[in-house]
Amino acid sequence: MRRLDKDSAWIFEMAVKSSRSEANKIGDIIEDSNGVILGRRSSDDIIKFLIVLDLVSLDDLINKMVTIYPGKMKFRKAKVISFE
């Protein structure tokens, strides 16, 4: 398991157009990319995840998601966090 880079960890919201039954699969993809899930919400075939990622993890997650869910996801940067 790779540690998050403490200088570039960000909170993102990722929305995926998919059924609720896919939520656990998407959660596994996020965790495999070294992301940390803070929360999950779903409505009308859209699943939203609040996640913490560094930029390397974000790149890995985007590559995986584009392969599995092309054109069905979007990311929104929420806030930068810092560790001291």
PDB file of N, CA and C in Angstrom:
ATOM      1  N   MET A   1       0.835  -1.175   0.000  1.00  0.00           N
ATOM      2  CA  MET A   1       0.000   0.000   0.000  1.00  0.00           C
ATOM      3  C   MET A   1       0.884   1.243   0.000  1.00  0.00           C
ATOM      4  N   ARG A   2       0.584   2.148  -0.877  1.00  0.00           N
ATOM      5  CA  ARG A   2       1.350   3.384  -0.998  1.00  0.00           C
ATOM      6  C   ARG A   2       0.766   4.438  -0.057  1.00  0.00           C
ATOM      7  N   ARG A   3       1.616   5.234   0.559  1.00  0.00           N
ATOM      8  CA  ARG A   3       1.157   6.323   1.416  1.00  0.00           C
ATOM      9  C   ARG A   3       0.750   7.516   0.557  1.00  0.00           C
ATOM     10  N   LEU A   4      -0.257   8.249   1.015  1.00  0.00           N
ATOM     11  CA  LEU A   4      -0.637   9.474   0.324  1.00  0.00           C
ATOM     12  C   LEU A   4       0.452  10.512   0.505  1.00  0.00           C
ATOM     13  N   ASP A   5       0.737  11.247  -0.542  1.00  0.00           N
ATOM     14  CA  ASP A   5       1.705  12.332  -0.465  1.00  0.00           C
ATOM     15  C   ASP A   5       1.087  13.468   0.347  1.00  0.00           C
ATOM     16  N   LYS A   6       1.676  13.768   1.487  1.00  0.00           N
ATOM     17  CA  LYS A   6       1.070  14.739   2.394  1.00  0.00           C
ATOM     18  C   LYS A   6       1.058  16.160   1.849  1.00  0.00           C
ATOM     19  N   ASP A   7       1.856  16.446   0.827  1.00  0.00           N
ATOM     20  CA  ASP A   7       1.873  17.801   0.269  1.00  0.00           C
ATOM     21  C   ASP A   7       0.868  17.986  -0.857  1.00  0.00           C
ATOM     22  N   SER A   8       0.268  16.899  -1.340  1.00  0.00           N
ATOM     23  CA  SER A   8      -0.658  17.053  -2.462  1.00  0.00           C
ATOM     24  C   SER A   8      -1.911  16.206  -2.306  1.00  0.00           C
ATOM     25  N   ALA A   9      -2.373  16.001  -1.087  1.00  0.00           N
ATOM     26  CA  ALA A   9      -3.606  15.255  -0.865  1.00  0.00           C
ATOM     27  C   ALA A   9      -4.795  16.199  -1.005  1.00  0.00           C
ATOM     28  N   TRP A  10      -5.791  15.779  -1.751  1.00  0.00           N
ATOM     29  CA  TRP A  10      -6.964  16.599  -2.014  1.00  0.00           C
ATOM     30  C   TRP A  10      -8.214  15.786  -1.753  1.00  0.00           C
ATOM     31  N   ILE A  11      -9.291  16.476  -1.416  1.00  0.00           N
ATOM     32  CA  ILE A  11     -10.598  15.840  -1.296  1.00  0.00           C
ATOM     33  C   ILE A  11     -11.330  16.072  -2.616  1.00  0.00           C
ATOM     34  N   PHE A  12     -11.806  14.986  -3.205  1.00  0.00           N
ATOM     35  CA  PHE A  12     -12.525  15.038  -4.467  1.00  0.00           C
ATOM     36  C   PHE A  12     -13.910  14.440  -4.304  1.00  0.00           C
ATOM     37  N   GLU A  13     -14.825  14.897  -5.143  1.00  0.00           N
ATOM     38  CA  GLU A  13     -16.111  14.235  -5.279  1.00  0.00           C
ATOM     39  C   GLU A  13     -16.107  13.577  -6.650  1.00  0.00           C
ATOM     40  N   MET A  14     -16.358  12.283  -6.679  1.00  0.00           N
ATOM     41  CA  MET A  14     -16.427  11.559  -7.938  1.00  0.00           C
ATOM     42  C   MET A  14     -17.848  11.057  -8.112  1.00  0.00           C
ATOM     43  N   ALA A  15     -18.468  11.404  -9.222  1.00  0.00           N
ATOM     44  CA  ALA A  15     -19.815  10.933  -9.533  1.00  0.00           C
ATOM     45  C   ALA A  15     -19.720   9.966 -10.702  1.00  0.00           C
ATOM     46  N   VAL A  16     -20.400   8.831 -10.564  1.00  0.00           N
ATOM     47  CA  VAL A  16     -20.385   7.796 -11.596  1.00  0.00           C
ATOM     48  C   VAL A  16     -21.824   7.466 -11.953  1.00  0.00           C
ATOM     49  N   LYS A  17     -22.134   7.487 -13.252  1.00  0.00           N
ATOM     50  CA  LYS A  17     -23.467   7.104 -13.700  1.00  0.00           C
ATOM     51  C   LYS A  17     -23.492   5.592 -13.816  1.00  0.00           C
ATOM     52  N   SER A  18     -24.091   4.962 -12.816  1.00  0.00           N
ATOM     53  CA  SER A  18     -24.137   3.513 -12.746  1.00  0.00           C
ATOM     54  C   SER A  18     -25.219   3.109 -11.753  1.00  0.00           C
ATOM     55  N   SER A  19     -25.557   1.832 -11.746  1.00  0.00           N
ATOM     56  CA  SER A  19     -26.575   1.351 -10.811  1.00  0.00           C
ATOM     57  C   SER A  19     -25.976   1.224  -9.407  1.00  0.00           C
ATOM     58  N   ARG A  20     -26.835   1.193  -8.418  1.00  0.00           N
ATOM     59  CA  ARG A  20     -26.386   1.091  -7.024  1.00  0.00           C
ATOM     60  C   ARG A  20     -25.662  -0.216  -6.749  1.00  0.00           C
ATOM     61  N   SER A  21     -25.953  -1.232  -7.533  1.00  0.00           N
ATOM     62  CA  SER A  21     -25.297  -2.530  -7.321  1.00  0.00           C
ATOM     63  C   SER A  21     -23.806  -2.482  -7.650  1.00  0.00           C
ATOM     64  N   GLU A  22     -23.378  -1.478  -8.388  1.00  0.00           N
ATOM     65  CA  GLU A  22     -21.968  -1.318  -8.757  1.00  0.00           C
ATOM     66  C   GLU A  22     -21.169  -0.558  -7.700  1.00  0.00           C
ATOM     67  N   ALA A  23     -21.818  -0.053  -6.665  1.00  0.00           N
ATOM     68  CA  ALA A  23     -21.151   0.815  -5.681  1.00  0.00           C
ATOM     69  C   ALA A  23     -19.977   0.123  -5.006  1.00  0.00           C
ATOM     70  N   ASN A  24     -20.127  -1.124  -4.614  1.00  0.00           N
ATOM     71  CA  ASN A  24     -19.026  -1.829  -3.954  1.00  0.00           C
ATOM     72  C   ASN A  24     -17.861  -2.065  -4.905  1.00  0.00           C
ATOM     73  N   LYS A  25     -18.154  -2.350  -6.162  1.00  0.00           N
ATOM     74  CA  LYS A  25     -17.094  -2.549  -7.164  1.00  0.00           C
ATOM     75  C   LYS A  25     -16.307  -1.248  -7.363  1.00  0.00           C
ATOM     76  N   ILE A  26     -17.019  -0.134  -7.450  1.00  0.00           N
ATOM     77  CA  ILE A  26     -16.355   1.163  -7.619  1.00  0.00           C
ATOM     78  C   ILE A  26     -15.552   1.504  -6.363  1.00  0.00           C
ATOM     79  N   GLY A  27     -16.096   1.195  -5.199  1.00  0.00           N
ATOM     80  CA  GLY A  27     -15.362   1.417  -3.947  1.00  0.00           C
ATOM     81  C   GLY A  27     -14.068   0.627  -3.910  1.00  0.00           C
ATOM     82  N   ASP A  28     -14.094  -0.607  -4.403  1.00  0.00           N
ATOM     83  CA  ASP A  28     -12.875  -1.416  -4.471  1.00  0.00           C
ATOM     84  C   ASP A  28     -11.847  -0.803  -5.419  1.00  0.00           C
ATOM     85  N   ILE A  29     -12.313  -0.241  -6.529  1.00  0.00           N
ATOM     86  CA  ILE A  29     -11.407   0.411  -7.485  1.00  0.00           C
ATOM     87  C   ILE A  29     -10.740   1.619  -6.824  1.00  0.00           C
ATOM     88  N   ILE A  30     -11.514   2.394  -6.068  1.00  0.00           N
ATOM     89  CA  ILE A  30     -10.959   3.561  -5.373  1.00  0.00           C
ATOM     90  C   ILE A  30      -9.893   3.122  -4.371  1.00  0.00           C
ATOM     91  N   GLU A  31     -10.191   2.099  -3.595  1.00  0.00           N
ATOM     92  CA  GLU A  31      -9.234   1.630  -2.595  1.00  0.00           C
ATOM     93  C   GLU A  31      -8.001   0.997  -3.241  1.00  0.00           C
ATOM     94  N   ASP A  32      -8.163   0.322  -4.374  1.00  0.00           N
ATOM     95  CA  ASP A  32      -7.019  -0.238  -5.097  1.00  0.00           C
ATOM     96  C   ASP A  32      -6.101   0.856  -5.631  1.00  0.00           C
ATOM     97  N   SER A  33      -6.672   2.033  -5.878  1.00  0.00           N
ATOM     98  CA  SER A  33      -5.884   3.167  -6.367  1.00  0.00           C
ATOM     99  C   SER A  33      -5.298   3.983  -5.225  1.00  0.00           C
ATOM    100  N   ASN A  34      -5.394   3.468  -3.999  1.00  0.00           N
ATOM    101  CA  ASN A  34      -4.876   4.120  -2.801  1.00  0.00           C
ATOM    102  C   ASN A  34      -5.689   5.347  -2.390  1.00  0.00           C
ATOM    103  N   GLY A  35      -6.969   5.352  -2.724  1.00  0.00           N
ATOM    104  CA  GLY A  35      -7.855   6.409  -2.276  1.00  0.00           C
ATOM    105  C   GLY A  35      -8.527   6.031  -0.971  1.00  0.00           C
ATOM    106  N   VAL A  36      -8.973   7.033  -0.242  1.00  0.00           N
ATOM    107  CA  VAL A  36      -9.681   6.820   1.015  1.00  0.00           C
ATOM    108  C   VAL A  36     -11.091   7.369   0.830  1.00  0.00           C
ATOM    109  N   ILE A  37     -12.092   6.529   1.052  1.00  0.00           N
ATOM    110  CA  ILE A  37     -13.483   6.938   0.889  1.00  0.00           C
ATOM    111  C   ILE A  37     -13.970   7.558   2.192  1.00  0.00           C
ATOM    112  N   LEU A  38     -14.425   8.809   2.104  1.00  0.00           N
ATOM    113  CA  LEU A  38     -14.966   9.498   3.278  1.00  0.00           C
ATOM    114  C   LEU A  38     -16.481   9.343   3.364  1.00  0.00           C
ATOM    115  N   GLY A  39     -17.135   9.215   2.217  1.00  0.00           N
ATOM    116  CA  GLY A  39     -18.585   9.081   2.207  1.00  0.00           C
ATOM    117  C   GLY A  39     -19.077   8.640   0.854  1.00  0.00           C
ATOM    118  N   ARG A  40     -20.328   8.138   0.844  1.00  0.00           N
ATOM    119  CA  ARG A  40     -20.929   7.670  -0.401  1.00  0.00           C
ATOM    120  C   ARG A  40     -22.404   8.015  -0.375  1.00  0.00           C
ATOM    121  N   ARG A  41     -22.911   8.441  -1.532  1.00  0.00           N
ATOM    122  CA  ARG A  41     -24.319   8.793  -1.665  1.00  0.00           C
ATOM    123  C   ARG A  41     -24.782   8.361  -3.043  1.00  0.00           C
ATOM    124  N   SER A  42     -26.022   7.924  -3.164  1.00  0.00           N
ATOM    125  CA  SER A  42     -26.523   7.530  -4.477  1.00  0.00           C
ATOM    126  C   SER A  42     -27.947   8.011  -4.662  1.00  0.00           C
ATOM    127  N   SER A  43     -28.258   8.344  -5.912  1.00  0.00           N
ATOM    128  CA  SER A  43     -29.615   8.745  -6.274  1.00  0.00           C
ATOM    129  C   SER A  43     -29.757   8.683  -7.790  1.00  0.00           C
ATOM    130  N   ASP A  44     -30.892   8.170  -8.255  1.00  0.00           N
ATOM    131  CA  ASP A  44     -31.216   8.153  -9.686  1.00  0.00           C
ATOM    132  C   ASP A  44     -30.077   7.648 -10.565  1.00  0.00           C
ATOM    133  N   ASP A  45     -29.538   6.493 -10.259  1.00  0.00           N
ATOM    134  CA  ASP A  45     -28.476   5.862 -11.044  1.00  0.00           C
ATOM    135  C   ASP A  45     -27.180   6.661 -11.076  1.00  0.00           C
ATOM    136  N   ILE A  46     -26.967   7.536 -10.111  1.00  0.00           N
ATOM    137  CA  ILE A  46     -25.694   8.245  -9.971  1.00  0.00           C
ATOM    138  C   ILE A  46     -25.164   7.980  -8.571  1.00  0.00           C
ATOM    139  N   ILE A  47     -23.953   7.476  -8.513  1.00  0.00           N
ATOM    140  CA  ILE A  47     -23.303   7.193  -7.241  1.00  0.00           C
ATOM    141  C   ILE A  47     -22.216   8.244  -7.046  1.00  0.00           C
ATOM    142  N   LYS A  48     -22.220   8.914  -5.896  1.00  0.00           N
ATOM    143  CA  LYS A  48     -21.218   9.937  -5.601  1.00  0.00           C
ATOM    144  C   LYS A  48     -20.358   9.470  -4.438  1.00  0.00           C
ATOM    145  N   PHE A  49     -19.059   9.625  -4.605  1.00  0.00           N
ATOM    146  CA  PHE A  49     -18.097   9.276  -3.567  1.00  0.00           C
ATOM    147  C   PHE A  49     -17.334  10.525  -3.167  1.00  0.00           C
ATOM    148  N   LEU A  50     -17.129  10.722  -1.884  1.00  0.00           N
ATOM    149  CA  LEU A  50     -16.245  11.761  -1.367  1.00  0.00           C
ATOM    150  C   LEU A  50     -14.965  11.038  -0.972  1.00  0.00           C
ATOM    151  N   ILE A  51     -13.874  11.375  -1.642  1.00  0.00           N
ATOM    152  CA  ILE A  51     -12.637  10.612  -1.479  1.00  0.00           C
ATOM    153  C   ILE A  51     -11.437  11.528  -1.269  1.00  0.00           C
ATOM    154  N   VAL A  52     -10.408  10.986  -0.628  1.00  0.00           N
ATOM    155  CA  VAL A  52      -9.136  11.690  -0.457  1.00  0.00           C
ATOM    156  C   VAL A  52      -8.108  10.978  -1.323  1.00  0.00           C
ATOM    157  N   LEU A  53      -7.445  11.753  -2.170  1.00  0.00           N
ATOM    158  CA  LEU A  53      -6.432  11.217  -3.079  1.00  0.00           C
ATOM    159  C   LEU A  53      -5.280  12.187  -3.193  1.00  0.00           C
ATOM    160  N   ASP A  54      -4.074  11.650  -3.422  1.00  0.00           N
ATOM    161  CA  ASP A  54      -2.997  12.524  -3.875  1.00  0.00           C
ATOM    162  C   ASP A  54      -3.002  12.461  -5.403  1.00  0.00           C
ATOM    163  N   LEU A  55      -2.170  13.235  -6.031  1.00  0.00           N
ATOM    164  CA  LEU A  55      -2.226  13.339  -7.486  1.00  0.00           C
ATOM    165  C   LEU A  55      -1.812  12.058  -8.197  1.00  0.00           C
ATOM    166  N   VAL A  56      -0.904  11.292  -7.623  1.00  0.00           N
ATOM    167  CA  VAL A  56      -0.509  10.009  -8.224  1.00  0.00           C
ATOM    168  C   VAL A  56      -1.680   9.029  -8.144  1.00  0.00           C
ATOM    169  N   SER A  57      -2.347   8.988  -7.000  1.00  0.00           N
ATOM    170  CA  SER A  57      -3.509   8.112  -6.839  1.00  0.00           C
ATOM    171  C   SER A  57      -4.649   8.535  -7.755  1.00  0.00           C
ATOM    172  N   LEU A  58      -4.827   9.839  -7.922  1.00  0.00           N
ATOM    173  CA  LEU A  58      -5.868  10.347  -8.806  1.00  0.00           C
ATOM    174  C   LEU A  58      -5.625   9.900 -10.240  1.00  0.00           C
ATOM    175  N   ASP A  59      -4.389   9.986 -10.686  1.00  0.00           N
ATOM    176  CA  ASP A  59      -4.043   9.550 -12.039  1.00  0.00           C
ATOM    177  C   ASP A  59      -4.345   8.065 -12.222  1.00  0.00           C
ATOM    178  N   ASP A  60      -3.977   7.261 -11.239  1.00  0.00           N
ATOM    179  CA  ASP A  60      -4.239   5.825 -11.292  1.00  0.00           C
ATOM    180  C   ASP A  60      -5.744   5.550 -11.320  1.00  0.00           C
ATOM    181  N   LEU A  61      -6.510   6.241 -10.488  1.00  0.00           N
ATOM    182  CA  LEU A  61      -7.952   6.046 -10.437  1.00  0.00           C
ATOM    183  C   LEU A  61      -8.619   6.452 -11.743  1.00  0.00           C
ATOM    184  N   ILE A  62      -8.225   7.585 -12.295  1.00  0.00           N
ATOM    185  CA  ILE A  62      -8.815   8.040 -13.557  1.00  0.00           C
ATOM    186  C   ILE A  62      -8.547   7.029 -14.670  1.00  0.00           C
ATOM    187  N   ASN A  63      -7.321   6.509 -14.748  1.00  0.00           N
ATOM    188  CA  ASN A  63      -7.012   5.520 -15.782  1.00  0.00           C
ATOM    189  C   ASN A  63      -7.880   4.274 -15.652  1.00  0.00           C
ATOM    190  N   LYS A  64      -8.091   3.799 -14.442  1.00  0.00           N
ATOM    191  CA  LYS A  64      -8.939   2.622 -14.225  1.00  0.00           C
ATOM    192  C   LYS A  64     -10.398   2.915 -14.556  1.00  0.00           C
ATOM    193  N   MET A  65     -10.888   4.071 -14.113  1.00  0.00           N
ATOM    194  CA  MET A  65     -12.294   4.403 -14.324  1.00  0.00           C
ATOM    195  C   MET A  65     -12.606   4.658 -15.797  1.00  0.00           C
ATOM    196  N   VAL A  66     -11.683   5.266 -16.529  1.00  0.00           N
ATOM    197  CA  VAL A  66     -11.905   5.515 -17.957  1.00  0.00           C
ATOM    198  C   VAL A  66     -11.992   4.196 -18.720  1.00  0.00           C
ATOM    199  N   THR A  67     -11.235   3.206 -18.275  1.00  0.00           N
ATOM    200  CA  THR A  67     -11.272   1.900 -18.918  1.00  0.00           C
ATOM    201  C   THR A  67     -12.594   1.184 -18.647  1.00  0.00           C
ATOM    202  N   ILE A  68     -13.069   1.238 -17.406  1.00  0.00           N
ATOM    203  CA  ILE A  68     -14.259   0.482 -17.019  1.00  0.00           C
ATOM    204  C   ILE A  68     -15.556   1.264 -17.246  1.00  0.00           C
ATOM    205  N   TYR A  69     -15.555   2.562 -16.964  1.00  0.00           N
ATOM    206  CA  TYR A  69     -16.753   3.404 -17.084  1.00  0.00           C
ATOM    207  C   TYR A  69     -16.476   4.607 -18.004  1.00  0.00           C
ATOM    208  N   PRO A  70     -16.227   4.375 -19.287  1.00  0.00           N
ATOM    209  CA  PRO A  70     -15.902   5.500 -20.169  1.00  0.00           C
ATOM    210  C   PRO A  70     -17.082   6.468 -20.332  1.00  0.00           C
ATOM    211  N   GLY A  71     -16.824   7.726 -20.105  1.00  0.00           N
ATOM    212  CA  GLY A  71     -17.836   8.762 -20.282  1.00  0.00           C
ATOM    213  C   GLY A  71     -18.927   8.783 -19.233  1.00  0.00           C
ATOM    214  N   LYS A  72     -18.784   8.022 -18.163  1.00  0.00           N
ATOM    215  CA  LYS A  72     -19.840   7.939 -17.161  1.00  0.00           C
ATOM    216  C   LYS A  72     -19.407   8.477 -15.801  1.00  0.00           C
ATOM    217  N   MET A  73     -18.335   9.254 -15.749  1.00  0.00           N
ATOM    218  CA  MET A  73     -17.858   9.754 -14.462  1.00  0.00           C
ATOM    219  C   MET A  73     -17.399  11.194 -14.582  1.00  0.00           C
ATOM    220  N   LYS A  74     -17.382  11.863 -13.443  1.00  0.00           N
ATOM    221  CA  LYS A  74     -16.804  13.210 -13.385  1.00  0.00           C
ATOM    222  C   LYS A  74     -16.210  13.419 -12.006  1.00  0.00           C
ATOM    223  N   PHE A  75     -15.170  14.229 -11.972  1.00  0.00           N
ATOM    224  CA  PHE A  75     -14.482  14.559 -10.727  1.00  0.00           C
ATOM    225  C   PHE A  75     -14.664  16.036 -10.444  1.00  0.00           C
ATOM    226  N   ARG A  76     -14.746  16.351  -9.173  1.00  0.00           N
ATOM    227  CA  ARG A  76     -14.784  17.740  -8.751  1.00  0.00           C
ATOM    228  C   ARG A  76     -13.880  17.876  -7.540  1.00  0.00           C
ATOM    229  N   LYS A  77     -12.931  18.795  -7.615  1.00  0.00           N
ATOM    230  CA  LYS A  77     -12.011  19.024  -6.499  1.00  0.00           C
ATOM    231  C   LYS A  77     -12.751  19.774  -5.412  1.00  0.00           C
ATOM    232  N   ALA A  78     -12.674  19.249  -4.201  1.00  0.00           N
ATOM    233  CA  ALA A  78     -13.413  19.872  -3.111  1.00  0.00           C
ATOM    234  C   ALA A  78     -12.520  20.784  -2.254  1.00  0.00           C
ATOM    235  N   LYS A  79     -11.379  20.265  -1.803  1.00  0.00           N
ATOM    236  CA  LYS A  79     -10.561  21.050  -0.882  1.00  0.00           C
ATOM    237  C   LYS A  79      -9.201  20.429  -0.730  1.00  0.00           C
ATOM    238  N   VAL A  80      -8.195  21.248  -0.490  1.00  0.00           N
ATOM    239  CA  VAL A  80      -6.861  20.731  -0.183  1.00  0.00           C
ATOM    240  C   VAL A  80      -6.786  20.495   1.321  1.00  0.00           C
ATOM    241  N   ILE A  81      -6.064  19.448   1.704  1.00  0.00           N
ATOM    242  CA  ILE A  81      -5.839  19.186   3.125  1.00  0.00           C
ATOM    243  C   ILE A  81      -4.336  19.109   3.358  1.00  0.00           C
ATOM    244  N   SER A  82      -3.919  19.419   4.549  1.00  0.00           N
ATOM    245  CA  SER A  82      -2.497  19.317   4.855  1.00  0.00           C
ATOM    246  C   SER A  82      -2.314  18.569   6.167  1.00  0.00           C
ATOM    247  N   PHE A  83      -1.223  17.864   6.256  1.00  0.00           N
ATOM    248  CA  PHE A  83      -0.893  17.106   7.450  1.00  0.00           C
ATOM    249  C   PHE A  83       0.324  17.748   8.094  1.00  0.00           C
ATOM    250  N   GLU A  84       0.327  17.865   9.395  1.00  0.00           N
ATOM    251  CA  GLU A  84       1.483  18.461  10.075  1.00  0.00           C
ATOM    252  C   GLU A  84       1.968  17.562  11.175  1.00  0.00           C
TER     253      GLU A  84
END
